[in-house]
Protein backbone atom coordinates (compact mmCIF):
# COMPACT_ATOMS: atom_id res chain seq x y z
CA UNK A 1 -27.41 -4.66 14.05
CA UNK A 2 -25.05 -2.15 15.69
CA UNK A 3 -26.21 1.47 15.25
CA UNK A 4 -24.07 3.66 12.99
CA UNK A 5 -23.55 6.14 15.83
CA UNK A 6 -21.80 3.50 17.92
CA UNK A 7 -19.35 2.84 15.08
CA UNK A 8 -18.73 6.57 14.77
CA UNK A 9 -18.17 6.83 18.52
CA UNK A 10 -15.73 3.92 18.34
CA UNK A 11 -13.76 5.64 15.59
CA UNK A 12 -13.62 8.88 17.59
CA UNK A 13 -12.35 6.95 20.63
CA UNK A 14 -9.66 5.15 18.60
CA UNK A 15 -8.54 8.44 17.03
CA UNK A 16 -8.34 10.10 20.44
CA UNK A 17 -6.35 7.20 21.88
CA UNK A 18 -3.94 7.27 18.95
CA UNK A 19 -2.63 10.71 19.85
CA UNK A 20 -1.68 9.59 23.35
CA UNK A 21 2.02 8.87 24.05
CA UNK A 22 3.04 5.23 23.70
CA UNK A 23 4.14 5.13 27.33
CA UNK A 24 0.60 5.95 28.42
CA UNK A 25 -0.86 3.43 25.96
CA UNK A 26 1.36 0.69 27.39
CA UNK A 27 -0.03 1.44 30.87
CA UNK A 28 -3.51 0.96 29.39
CA UNK A 29 -2.25 -2.24 27.74
CA UNK A 30 -1.23 -3.67 31.12
CA UNK A 31 -4.73 -2.96 32.43
CA UNK A 32 -6.26 -4.46 29.29
CA UNK A 33 -4.17 -7.60 29.77
CA UNK A 34 -5.56 -8.08 33.27
CA UNK A 35 -9.08 -7.71 31.94
CA UNK A 36 -8.90 -9.95 28.87
CA UNK A 37 -6.82 -12.69 30.49
CA UNK A 38 -7.57 -12.77 34.20
CA UNK A 39 -11.09 -11.32 34.31
CA UNK A 40 -12.88 -12.21 31.06
CA UNK A 41 -10.64 -15.03 29.81
CA UNK A 42 -10.97 -13.81 26.21
CA UNK A 43 -10.37 -16.78 23.89
CA UNK A 44 -8.20 -18.40 26.54
CA UNK A 45 -9.59 -21.82 25.65
CA UNK A 46 -8.79 -21.29 21.94
CA UNK A 47 -5.26 -20.12 22.69
CA UNK A 48 -4.56 -22.98 25.12
CA UNK A 49 -5.84 -25.56 22.63
CA UNK A 50 -3.83 -24.05 19.76
CA UNK A 51 -0.65 -23.98 21.83
CA UNK A 52 -0.99 -27.55 23.12
CA UNK A 53 -1.71 -28.92 19.63
CA UNK A 54 1.02 -26.89 17.95
CA UNK A 55 3.71 -27.43 20.61
CA UNK A 56 3.06 -30.92 22.04
CA UNK A 57 6.69 -31.22 23.10
CA UNK A 58 6.22 -28.37 25.62
CA UNK A 59 5.17 -29.10 29.19
CA UNK A 60 1.95 -27.57 30.52
CA UNK A 61 3.88 -25.06 32.65
CA UNK A 62 5.69 -23.85 29.52
CA UNK A 63 2.42 -23.62 27.59
CA UNK A 64 0.86 -21.49 30.33
CA UNK A 65 3.93 -19.22 30.41
CA UNK A 66 3.74 -18.75 26.62
CA UNK A 67 0.00 -18.16 26.90
CA UNK A 68 0.45 -15.38 29.47
CA UNK A 69 3.21 -13.74 27.44
CA UNK A 70 1.01 -13.91 24.36
CA UNK A 71 -1.97 -12.24 26.04
CA UNK A 72 0.24 -9.54 27.56
CA UNK A 73 1.68 -8.91 24.11
CA UNK A 74 -1.76 -9.02 22.44
CA UNK A 75 -2.96 -6.23 24.73
CA UNK A 76 0.08 -4.12 23.83
CA UNK A 77 -0.34 -4.93 20.14
CA UNK A 78 -3.93 -3.67 20.13
CA UNK A 79 -2.77 -0.31 21.46
CA UNK A 80 0.21 -0.22 19.07
CA UNK A 81 -2.16 -0.69 16.13
CA UNK A 82 -4.29 2.18 17.44
CA UNK A 83 -1.14 4.31 17.75
CA UNK A 84 -0.36 3.65 14.08
CA UNK A 85 -3.03 6.20 13.20
CA UNK A 86 -0.89 9.08 14.50
CA UNK A 87 2.63 7.64 14.63
CA UNK A 88 5.23 9.78 12.87
CA UNK A 89 7.74 8.65 10.25
CA UNK A 90 10.58 9.32 12.68
CA UNK A 91 8.95 7.20 15.41
CA UNK A 92 8.21 4.31 13.08
CA UNK A 93 11.69 4.30 11.53
CA UNK A 94 13.14 4.17 15.03
CA UNK A 95 10.93 1.26 16.09
CA UNK A 96 11.01 -0.93 12.96
CA UNK A 97 14.47 -1.76 11.61
CA UNK A 98 15.18 -3.83 8.50
CA UNK A 99 18.01 -6.35 8.28
CA UNK A 100 19.52 -7.43 4.93
CA UNK A 101 17.62 -4.64 3.20
CA UNK A 102 20.46 -4.45 0.67
CA UNK A 103 19.53 -7.91 -0.68
CA UNK A 104 16.16 -6.52 -1.74
CA UNK A 105 17.55 -3.22 -2.99
CA UNK A 106 19.95 -5.07 -5.29
CA UNK A 107 16.94 -6.25 -7.31
CA UNK A 108 15.11 -2.94 -7.10
CA UNK A 109 18.23 -1.09 -8.28
CA UNK A 110 18.28 -3.44 -11.25
CA UNK A 111 14.68 -2.40 -12.01
CA UNK A 112 13.25 -5.76 -10.85
CA UNK A 113 10.07 -5.82 -8.78
CA UNK A 114 9.91 -8.20 -5.81
CA UNK A 115 7.37 -10.00 -3.63
CA UNK A 116 7.34 -10.05 0.17
CA UNK A 117 5.57 -12.74 2.16
CA UNK A 118 5.06 -12.03 5.81
CA UNK A 119 2.97 -13.33 8.69
CA UNK A 120 0.86 -12.04 11.55
CA UNK A 121 3.80 -12.30 13.89
CA UNK A 122 4.76 -9.25 15.91
CA UNK A 123 3.28 -5.96 14.72
CA UNK A 124 2.28 -6.73 11.13
CA UNK A 125 0.65 -3.29 10.75
CA UNK A 126 3.77 -1.35 11.73
CA UNK A 127 5.96 -3.53 9.51
CA UNK A 128 3.73 -2.97 6.46
CA UNK A 129 3.66 0.76 7.09
CA UNK A 130 7.44 0.87 7.49
CA UNK A 131 8.03 -0.95 4.19
CA UNK A 132 6.47 2.01 2.38
CA UNK A 133 9.28 4.23 3.70
CA UNK A 134 12.21 1.80 3.73
CA UNK A 135 12.41 0.61 0.12
CA UNK A 136 12.86 2.35 -3.24
CA UNK A 137 9.72 0.95 -4.87
CA UNK A 138 5.98 1.50 -4.66
CA UNK A 139 4.59 -0.76 -1.93
CA UNK A 140 1.29 -2.63 -2.40
CA UNK A 141 0.20 -4.55 0.73
CA UNK A 142 -2.56 -7.10 0.09
CA UNK A 143 -5.32 -6.89 2.69
CA UNK A 144 -8.74 -8.27 3.54
CA UNK A 145 -11.30 -5.45 3.92
CA UNK A 146 -13.03 -4.96 7.26
CA UNK A 147 -16.75 -5.73 7.05
CA UNK A 148 -17.83 -2.36 8.47
CA UNK A 149 -17.24 0.38 5.91
CA UNK A 150 -16.48 3.11 8.47
CA UNK A 151 -13.80 1.04 10.21
CA UNK A 152 -12.47 -0.14 6.85
CA UNK A 153 -11.96 3.47 5.74
CA UNK A 154 -10.30 4.30 9.07
CA UNK A 155 -7.84 1.43 8.68
CA UNK A 156 -7.22 2.21 5.00
CA UNK A 157 -6.23 5.80 5.79
CA UNK A 158 -3.98 4.59 8.59
CA UNK A 159 -2.28 1.93 6.48
CA UNK A 160 -1.79 4.28 3.52
CA UNK A 161 -0.32 7.24 5.39
CA UNK A 162 3.33 6.60 4.41
CA UNK A 163 2.81 5.93 0.72
CA UNK A 164 1.41 2.40 0.77
CA UNK A 165 -1.28 1.59 -1.77
CA UNK A 166 -3.56 -0.98 -0.20
CA UNK A 167 -4.94 -3.71 -2.46
CA UNK A 168 -7.98 -5.81 -1.65
CA UNK A 169 -7.30 -9.54 -2.01
CA UNK A 170 -9.81 -9.78 -4.84
CA UNK A 171 -8.05 -6.99 -6.76
CA UNK A 172 -4.52 -8.43 -6.58
CA UNK A 173 -4.17 -9.75 -10.13
CA UNK A 174 -5.79 -6.69 -11.65
CA UNK A 175 -3.47 -4.36 -9.71
CA UNK A 176 -0.38 -6.33 -10.69
CA UNK A 177 -1.39 -6.11 -14.35
CA UNK A 178 -2.08 -2.39 -14.06
CA UNK A 179 1.28 -1.71 -12.37
CA UNK A 180 3.49 -4.03 -14.45
CA UNK A 181 5.47 -1.09 -15.91
CA UNK A 182 6.14 0.21 -12.39
CA UNK A 183 8.81 -0.86 -9.90
CA UNK A 184 6.80 -2.48 -7.10
CA UNK A 185 6.77 -4.56 -3.94
CA UNK A 186 3.66 -6.64 -3.23
CA UNK A 187 3.36 -7.90 0.34
CA UNK A 188 1.22 -10.92 1.25
CA UNK A 189 0.21 -12.11 4.72
CA UNK A 190 1.07 -15.70 3.90
CA UNK A 191 -0.16 -17.21 7.19
CA UNK A 192 -3.75 -16.09 6.78
CA UNK A 193 -5.98 -19.12 6.37
CA UNK A 194 -7.99 -19.29 3.13
CA UNK A 195 -11.73 -19.76 3.27
CA UNK A 196 -13.04 -23.32 3.24
CA UNK A 197 -14.00 -23.04 -0.43
CA UNK A 198 -10.59 -21.60 -1.38
CA UNK A 199 -8.54 -24.23 0.47
CA UNK A 200 -6.67 -25.62 -2.55
CA UNK A 201 -3.45 -26.74 -0.92
CA UNK A 202 -3.02 -28.64 2.33
CA UNK A 203 0.18 -29.33 4.20
CA UNK A 204 1.22 -29.58 7.85
CA UNK A 205 1.85 -26.56 10.04
CA UNK A 206 2.94 -27.20 13.63
CA UNK A 207 1.82 -30.86 13.60
CA UNK A 208 -1.62 -30.07 12.14
CA UNK A 209 -3.28 -30.15 8.73
CA UNK A 210 -3.42 -26.59 7.42
CA UNK A 211 -4.71 -24.98 4.24
CA UNK A 212 -2.21 -22.46 2.87
CA UNK A 213 -2.84 -19.40 0.70
CA UNK A 214 -1.34 -19.87 -2.78
CA UNK A 215 -1.28 -16.18 -3.72
CA UNK A 216 2.46 -15.71 -3.20
CA UNK A 217 3.38 -18.71 -5.30
CA UNK A 218 0.89 -18.06 -8.09
CA UNK A 219 2.04 -14.47 -8.58
CA UNK A 220 5.72 -15.32 -8.19
CA UNK A 221 5.70 -18.14 -10.74
CA UNK A 222 3.66 -16.11 -13.20
CA UNK A 223 5.83 -12.97 -12.99
CA UNK A 224 9.17 -14.58 -11.97
CA UNK A 225 9.61 -11.92 -9.28
CA UNK A 226 12.05 -12.81 -6.47
CA UNK A 227 10.34 -13.75 -3.20
CA UNK A 228 11.58 -12.63 0.22
CA UNK A 229 10.22 -13.71 3.58
CA UNK A 230 9.99 -10.98 6.21
CA UNK A 231 11.04 -12.55 9.48
CA UNK A 232 9.91 -10.21 12.25
CA UNK A 233 11.64 -10.43 15.61
CA UNK A 234 10.29 -8.88 18.79
CA UNK A 235 13.22 -6.93 20.26
CA UNK A 236 11.48 -5.29 23.20
CA UNK A 237 8.20 -3.50 23.83
CA UNK A 238 7.51 -1.32 20.81
CA UNK A 239 10.64 -2.32 18.87
CA UNK A 240 11.00 -4.83 16.02
CA UNK A 241 13.67 -6.10 13.65
CA UNK A 242 12.66 -7.44 10.23
CA UNK A 243 15.05 -9.78 8.41
CA UNK A 244 14.60 -9.94 4.62
CA UNK A 245 15.23 -13.63 3.88
CA UNK A 246 15.45 -14.81 0.24
CA UNK A 247 12.89 -17.57 -0.31
CA UNK A 248 13.12 -18.07 -4.06
CA UNK A 249 15.03 -15.87 -6.52
CA UNK A 250 13.95 -17.68 -9.70
CA UNK A 251 10.29 -18.65 -9.13
CA UNK A 252 9.62 -19.62 -12.76
CA UNK A 253 12.03 -22.53 -12.32
CA UNK A 254 10.25 -24.01 -9.30
CA UNK A 255 7.76 -26.86 -9.15
CA UNK A 256 4.18 -26.44 -8.06
CA UNK A 257 3.77 -25.82 -4.31
CA UNK A 258 7.55 -25.57 -3.78
CA UNK A 259 7.49 -21.87 -2.89
CA UNK A 260 4.46 -22.39 -0.65
CA UNK A 261 6.28 -25.12 1.27
CA UNK A 262 9.38 -22.97 1.65
CA UNK A 263 7.65 -19.95 3.16
CA UNK A 264 5.44 -22.19 5.32
CA UNK A 265 8.53 -23.86 6.85
CA UNK A 266 10.07 -20.43 7.51
CA UNK A 267 6.92 -19.45 9.37
CA UNK A 268 6.97 -22.70 11.33
CA UNK A 269 10.61 -22.20 12.34
CA UNK A 270 9.90 -18.62 13.40
CA UNK A 271 7.00 -19.68 15.63
CA UNK A 272 9.02 -22.47 17.21
CA UNK A 273 11.88 -20.07 18.02
CA UNK A 274 9.70 -17.60 19.93
CA UNK A 275 6.04 -18.68 19.96
CA UNK A 276 4.47 -15.95 22.09
CA UNK A 277 4.30 -13.30 19.36
CA UNK A 278 2.15 -15.11 16.80
CA UNK A 279 -1.63 -14.62 16.68
CA UNK A 280 -2.73 -17.68 18.69
CA UNK A 281 -6.24 -16.32 19.30
CA UNK A 282 -7.03 -16.88 15.62
CA UNK A 283 -8.77 -20.19 14.80
CA UNK A 284 -6.08 -21.14 12.28
CA UNK A 285 -6.96 -24.83 12.12
CA UNK A 286 -10.76 -24.65 12.21
CA UNK A 287 -11.16 -26.29 8.79
CA UNK A 288 -10.20 -29.89 8.12
CA UNK A 289 -9.24 -31.28 4.73
CA UNK A 290 -11.64 -33.48 2.81
CA UNK A 291 -10.44 -36.83 1.47
CA UNK A 292 -10.45 -35.44 -2.08
CA UNK A 293 -8.36 -32.43 -1.02
CA UNK A 294 -5.76 -34.66 0.63
CA UNK A 295 -5.55 -36.89 -2.45
CA UNK A 296 -5.18 -33.86 -4.72
CA UNK A 297 -2.44 -32.32 -2.58
CA UNK A 298 -0.43 -35.52 -2.37
CA UNK A 299 -0.75 -36.21 -6.10
CA UNK A 300 0.40 -32.68 -7.04
CA UNK A 301 2.95 -31.92 -4.32
CA UNK A 302 6.70 -32.25 -4.62
CA UNK A 303 9.27 -32.95 -1.91
CA UNK A 304 11.19 -29.92 -0.78
CA UNK A 305 14.63 -30.48 0.69
């Protein structure tokens, strides 16, 4: 068990780092990249295996190039997330730009709440924080609490600093019910793998069997709120563009799993376009479907054109 003082020291270090200029943090990121990739080989085997299985059409030289770009970006991302603690509104608005924002605002202006589904592609933390400033509705990002309470509180304060109201995954339905008279945006990280026990829907993602979270679809079909996919593009170091893509504007009219398939294919297309900025160090495909799960999925699923 890690002593409480070490956690407190870690929080103090992160807070101190966050006030440093981004230029300095990117110098540290370059050093961190050398350490995690070339010295310690942090999860290099996991990343290489994920890339080769997901992108079998790529030659080994291409895989290695993507791998190196990913680790260099991962090091920068870690420091960008730390910087989020002290980043100003002006800085964040300059670094995260939204495309087709008017498509979302058309519904909000008509007093209709919407749902965003996003993915851990690019800087998910900055994007979620920026949503709280960019749109004319109360923003509720859905998140999975950190196991350590001290770090969880640190992240909650950081994520909530620009008006976001963070919602634990287990509190999603309750929060939606409590806020139904309010104009809202709920944002889901749709690429996060469900636990083994919660793996209710299986499909393919990048040539592999993958369990997909059904939260977006369940809420959308129940409330008939329009669904938009946030396609994040890496512009250059520290700068992102987020395209608000309509996924389904009349969810109540869809068939079961149709919305899930649509946002999963958008994620797949995004990764194929520029693979280096997705979280390849995550063991996304560690669970395999049981025979009963496969039978259930195929019996309930519908073709999506």
